[in-house]
Amino acid sequence: MRVILADNQAIYCSGLARVLRSELDVEVVAQCGNLTGLQKAIRNWRGAIVIFPSSFTTEIAALLDDVEACGSRAVMILEPKIVLESWLVDRLDGVLLRSVAEPQLLDCVYRVQAGERYAQRAVVQTMVAPDPSASRVLQRLTERELKIVALICEGLKNKEIAQRLNTKEQSIKNYLRSIYSKMEVCDRLELAIFAMHHQTLAQMVQTVRMEMARTA
């Protein structure tokens, strides 16, 4: 697994690189301190996971064009108080907070490498904005579906969700098809980002999560 890292804080970038290099199957092929260097690295190393901060946004569309053209995947590190636009969410493979811990970073790169899309759990808890459209979604979702949404926002995989809800993994997949349709999203990342940007839904997810923790 090839990883390209970019950040304007050299110490932070080196810290991410140290964590990733502890994994035998991960190779950090470039560390870039600016957008120009990142664009050059993307073109030199095809098929990589590209991790970069939301502060590199002056040419974000062109940057993502380069990532896609080179068969790579894009993971954005969100700066505090940054809210992602929907078009950008559609083009990202992963979203992390700058405060990302080692387990979350590694979970993200392995899932993205496997073709999944990833949103760090803390993103959903801390980045919320009011939006009445969440009320319509809540009216559509069943109690069971809300529990699944809450567990997805915790970062659990289908198998783990099935174990928590005492059901089969295939049942979770069936529920997810219904949930995606009702929320008008395509996958886990879009689901988590939707919750992140809709305060009513985010609060309900938090309530459901706390209730499940009490009854576990």
Protein backbone atom coordinates (compact mmCIF):
# COMPACT_ATOMS: atom_id res chain seq x y z
CA MET A 1 0.00 0.00 0.00
CA ARG A 2 1.52 3.30 -1.10
CA VAL A 3 0.65 6.45 0.84
CA ILE A 4 1.35 10.07 -0.06
CA LEU A 5 1.21 12.49 2.88
CA ALA A 6 0.83 16.25 2.65
CA ASP A 7 0.59 18.92 5.32
CA ASN A 8 1.98 22.41 5.89
CA GLN A 9 3.02 21.35 9.40
CA ALA A 10 6.16 19.23 8.96
CA ILE A 11 6.08 17.76 12.46
CA TYR A 12 2.46 16.66 12.07
CA CYS A 13 3.22 15.08 8.70
CA SER A 14 6.21 13.24 10.17
CA GLY A 15 4.02 11.93 12.98
CA LEU A 16 1.52 10.45 10.53
CA ALA A 17 4.38 8.95 8.53
CA ARG A 18 5.86 7.31 11.64
CA VAL A 19 2.53 5.65 12.46
CA LEU A 20 2.02 4.39 8.92
CA ARG A 21 5.58 3.09 8.56
CA SER A 22 5.03 0.89 11.60
CA GLU A 23 2.84 -1.26 9.33
CA LEU A 24 4.81 -3.75 7.22
CA ASP A 25 2.50 -3.48 4.23
CA VAL A 26 2.40 0.33 4.12
CA GLU A 27 4.98 2.42 2.24
CA VAL A 28 5.01 6.20 2.65
CA VAL A 29 6.36 7.20 -0.74
CA ALA A 30 6.21 10.99 -0.33
CA GLN A 31 5.82 13.70 2.30
CA CYS A 32 4.84 17.09 0.90
CA GLY A 33 4.74 20.48 2.59
CA ASN A 34 2.77 22.35 -0.04
CA LEU A 35 0.23 21.91 -2.82
CA THR A 36 2.78 22.04 -5.63
CA GLY A 37 4.82 19.24 -4.12
CA LEU A 38 1.67 17.19 -3.53
CA GLN A 39 0.56 17.51 -7.15
CA LYS A 40 3.98 16.38 -8.33
CA ALA A 41 3.96 13.37 -5.97
CA ILE A 42 0.49 12.33 -7.13
CA ARG A 43 1.68 12.21 -10.72
CA ASN A 44 4.87 10.33 -9.81
CA TRP A 45 3.21 7.67 -7.64
CA ARG A 46 0.08 6.21 -9.17
CA GLY A 47 -2.40 4.04 -7.27
CA ALA A 48 -1.63 5.60 -3.90
CA ILE A 49 -3.72 6.76 -0.96
CA VAL A 50 -3.32 10.54 -0.82
CA ILE A 51 -3.80 12.14 2.60
CA PHE A 52 -3.95 15.93 2.63
CA PRO A 53 -5.44 18.75 4.76
CA SER A 54 -8.53 20.79 3.97
CA SER A 55 -6.29 23.87 4.01
CA PHE A 56 -4.99 22.76 0.57
CA THR A 57 -8.18 24.02 -1.06
CA THR A 58 -7.03 26.68 -3.50
CA GLU A 59 -7.12 24.14 -6.33
CA ILE A 60 -9.08 21.31 -4.73
CA ALA A 61 -11.04 20.32 -7.86
CA ALA A 62 -7.85 20.12 -9.93
CA LEU A 63 -6.13 18.20 -7.13
CA LEU A 64 -8.91 15.62 -7.02
CA ASP A 65 -8.84 15.39 -10.81
CA ASP A 66 -5.15 14.42 -10.56
CA VAL A 67 -5.89 11.87 -7.83
CA GLU A 68 -8.59 10.21 -9.91
CA ALA A 69 -6.57 10.33 -13.14
CA CYS A 70 -3.71 8.50 -11.43
CA GLY A 71 -5.95 5.79 -9.99
CA SER A 72 -5.37 6.99 -6.44
CA ARG A 73 -7.73 7.64 -3.52
CA ALA A 74 -8.22 10.89 -1.61
CA VAL A 75 -8.44 11.24 2.17
CA MET A 76 -8.95 14.74 3.60
CA ILE A 77 -7.91 15.86 7.07
CA LEU A 78 -10.47 18.40 8.27
CA GLU A 79 -9.29 21.56 9.98
CA PRO A 80 -11.42 22.78 12.93
CA LYS A 81 -14.79 24.35 12.01
CA ILE A 82 -14.53 23.36 8.34
CA VAL A 83 -17.82 22.17 6.81
CA LEU A 84 -17.61 20.08 3.65
CA GLU A 85 -19.71 20.93 0.62
CA SER A 86 -21.74 18.07 -0.86
CA TRP A 87 -19.85 18.01 -4.18
CA LEU A 88 -16.59 17.56 -2.29
CA VAL A 89 -17.97 14.75 -0.13
CA ASP A 90 -18.89 12.90 -3.33
CA ARG A 91 -15.28 12.97 -4.50
CA LEU A 92 -13.51 11.99 -1.27
CA ASP A 93 -12.71 8.43 -0.20
CA GLY A 94 -12.09 9.32 3.43
CA VAL A 95 -12.45 12.09 6.00
CA LEU A 96 -10.39 12.42 9.19
CA LEU A 97 -10.03 15.07 11.88
CA ARG A 98 -6.65 16.66 12.56
CA SER A 99 -6.81 15.08 16.02
CA VAL A 100 -6.95 11.58 14.49
CA ALA A 101 -5.45 8.87 16.68
CA GLU A 102 -3.31 5.97 15.47
CA PRO A 103 -6.08 3.31 15.41
CA GLN A 104 -8.40 5.58 13.42
CA LEU A 105 -5.68 6.52 10.93
CA LEU A 106 -4.79 2.89 10.27
CA ASP A 107 -8.45 1.84 10.11
CA CYS A 108 -9.02 4.54 7.52
CA VAL A 109 -6.14 3.64 5.19
CA TYR A 110 -6.92 -0.08 5.26
CA ARG A 111 -10.61 0.48 4.57
CA VAL A 112 -9.93 2.96 1.78
CA GLN A 113 -7.39 0.58 0.28
CA ALA A 114 -10.08 -2.11 0.32
CA GLY A 115 -12.40 0.13 -1.69
CA GLU A 116 -14.55 1.40 1.19
CA ARG A 117 -15.20 5.03 2.09
CA TYR A 118 -14.43 6.18 5.61
CA ALA A 119 -15.52 8.96 7.97
CA GLN A 120 -13.91 9.26 11.40
CA ARG A 121 -16.41 8.80 14.22
CA ALA A 122 -15.48 12.09 15.90
CA VAL A 123 -16.40 13.99 12.74
CA VAL A 124 -20.03 13.07 13.28
CA GLN A 125 -19.92 14.04 16.93
CA THR A 126 -18.30 17.46 16.56
CA MET A 127 -19.15 18.89 13.14
CA VAL A 128 -22.87 19.62 13.06
CA ALA A 129 -25.01 22.31 11.51
CA PRO A 130 -28.78 22.80 11.75
CA ASP A 131 -30.87 21.69 8.78
CA PRO A 132 -34.61 20.93 8.80
CA SER A 133 -34.24 18.26 6.09
CA ALA A 134 -33.01 15.88 8.81
CA SER A 135 -36.53 15.81 10.25
CA ARG A 136 -37.84 14.25 7.05
CA VAL A 137 -35.16 11.58 7.23
CA LEU A 138 -36.00 10.80 10.85
CA GLN A 139 -39.65 10.31 9.91
CA ARG A 140 -38.62 7.73 7.32
CA LEU A 141 -36.16 5.70 9.40
CA THR A 142 -37.37 2.91 11.66
CA GLU A 143 -36.02 2.41 15.19
CA ARG A 144 -33.89 -0.50 13.94
CA GLU A 145 -32.50 1.58 11.08
CA LEU A 146 -31.61 4.41 13.46
CA LYS A 147 -29.58 1.97 15.55
CA ILE A 148 -27.71 0.87 12.44
CA VAL A 149 -27.04 4.51 11.50
CA ALA A 150 -25.69 5.14 15.00
CA LEU A 151 -23.36 2.13 14.80
CA ILE A 152 -22.12 3.12 11.35
CA CYS A 153 -21.30 6.55 12.76
CA GLU A 154 -19.21 4.74 15.39
CA GLY A 155 -17.21 3.18 12.56
CA LEU A 156 -18.46 -0.40 12.96
CA LYS A 157 -18.44 -2.81 10.02
CA ASN A 158 -21.49 -4.85 8.96
CA LYS A 159 -20.33 -7.95 10.84
CA GLU A 160 -19.78 -5.96 14.03
CA ILE A 161 -23.18 -4.28 13.70
CA ALA A 162 -24.85 -7.67 13.23
CA GLN A 163 -23.19 -8.94 16.41
CA ARG A 164 -24.30 -5.87 18.38
CA LEU A 165 -27.88 -6.21 17.16
CA ASN A 166 -27.95 -10.01 17.42
CA THR A 167 -28.82 -10.57 13.77
CA LYS A 168 -27.19 -11.79 10.56
CA GLU A 169 -24.74 -9.78 8.48
CA GLN A 170 -26.96 -10.20 5.40
CA SER A 171 -29.83 -8.60 7.32
CA ILE A 172 -27.65 -5.55 7.96
CA LYS A 173 -26.87 -5.31 4.25
CA ASN A 174 -30.59 -5.41 3.50
CA TYR A 175 -31.28 -2.69 6.06
CA LEU A 176 -28.51 -0.54 4.59
CA ARG A 177 -30.09 -0.58 1.16
CA SER A 178 -33.27 0.81 2.72
CA ILE A 179 -31.36 3.36 4.80
CA TYR A 180 -29.36 4.65 1.83
CA SER A 181 -32.57 5.05 -0.15
CA LYS A 182 -34.37 6.92 2.64
CA MET A 183 -31.40 9.21 3.32
CA GLU A 184 -30.63 9.59 -0.38
CA VAL A 185 -26.96 8.67 0.09
CA CYS A 186 -24.78 6.11 -1.67
CA ASP A 187 -22.56 4.64 1.04
CA ARG A 188 -21.21 4.84 4.60
CA LEU A 189 -19.15 7.96 4.07
CA GLU A 190 -22.06 9.95 2.66
CA LEU A 191 -24.27 8.67 5.47
CA ALA A 192 -21.80 9.82 8.14
CA ILE A 193 -21.26 13.20 6.45
CA PHE A 194 -25.04 13.66 6.20
CA ALA A 195 -25.31 13.10 9.94
CA MET A 196 -22.39 15.48 10.48
CA HIS A 197 -24.15 18.33 8.70
CA HIS A 198 -27.67 17.83 10.10
CA GLN A 199 -27.94 18.69 13.77
CA THR A 200 -31.33 17.09 14.39
CA LEU A 201 -30.14 13.75 13.05
CA ALA A 202 -26.76 14.01 14.79
CA GLN A 203 -28.47 14.57 18.14
CA MET A 204 -30.80 11.63 17.60
CA VAL A 205 -27.86 9.40 16.64
CA GLN A 206 -26.12 10.40 19.86
CA THR A 207 -29.27 9.63 21.88
CA VAL A 208 -29.65 6.21 20.26
CA ARG A 209 -25.98 5.44 20.85
CA MET A 210 -26.25 6.31 24.55
CA GLU A 211 -29.40 4.21 24.92
CA MET A 212 -27.70 1.20 23.34
CA ALA A 213 -24.72 1.64 25.64
CA ARG A 214 -26.99 1.62 28.69
CA THR A 215 -28.79 -1.54 27.62
CA ALA A 216 -25.70 -3.44 26.43
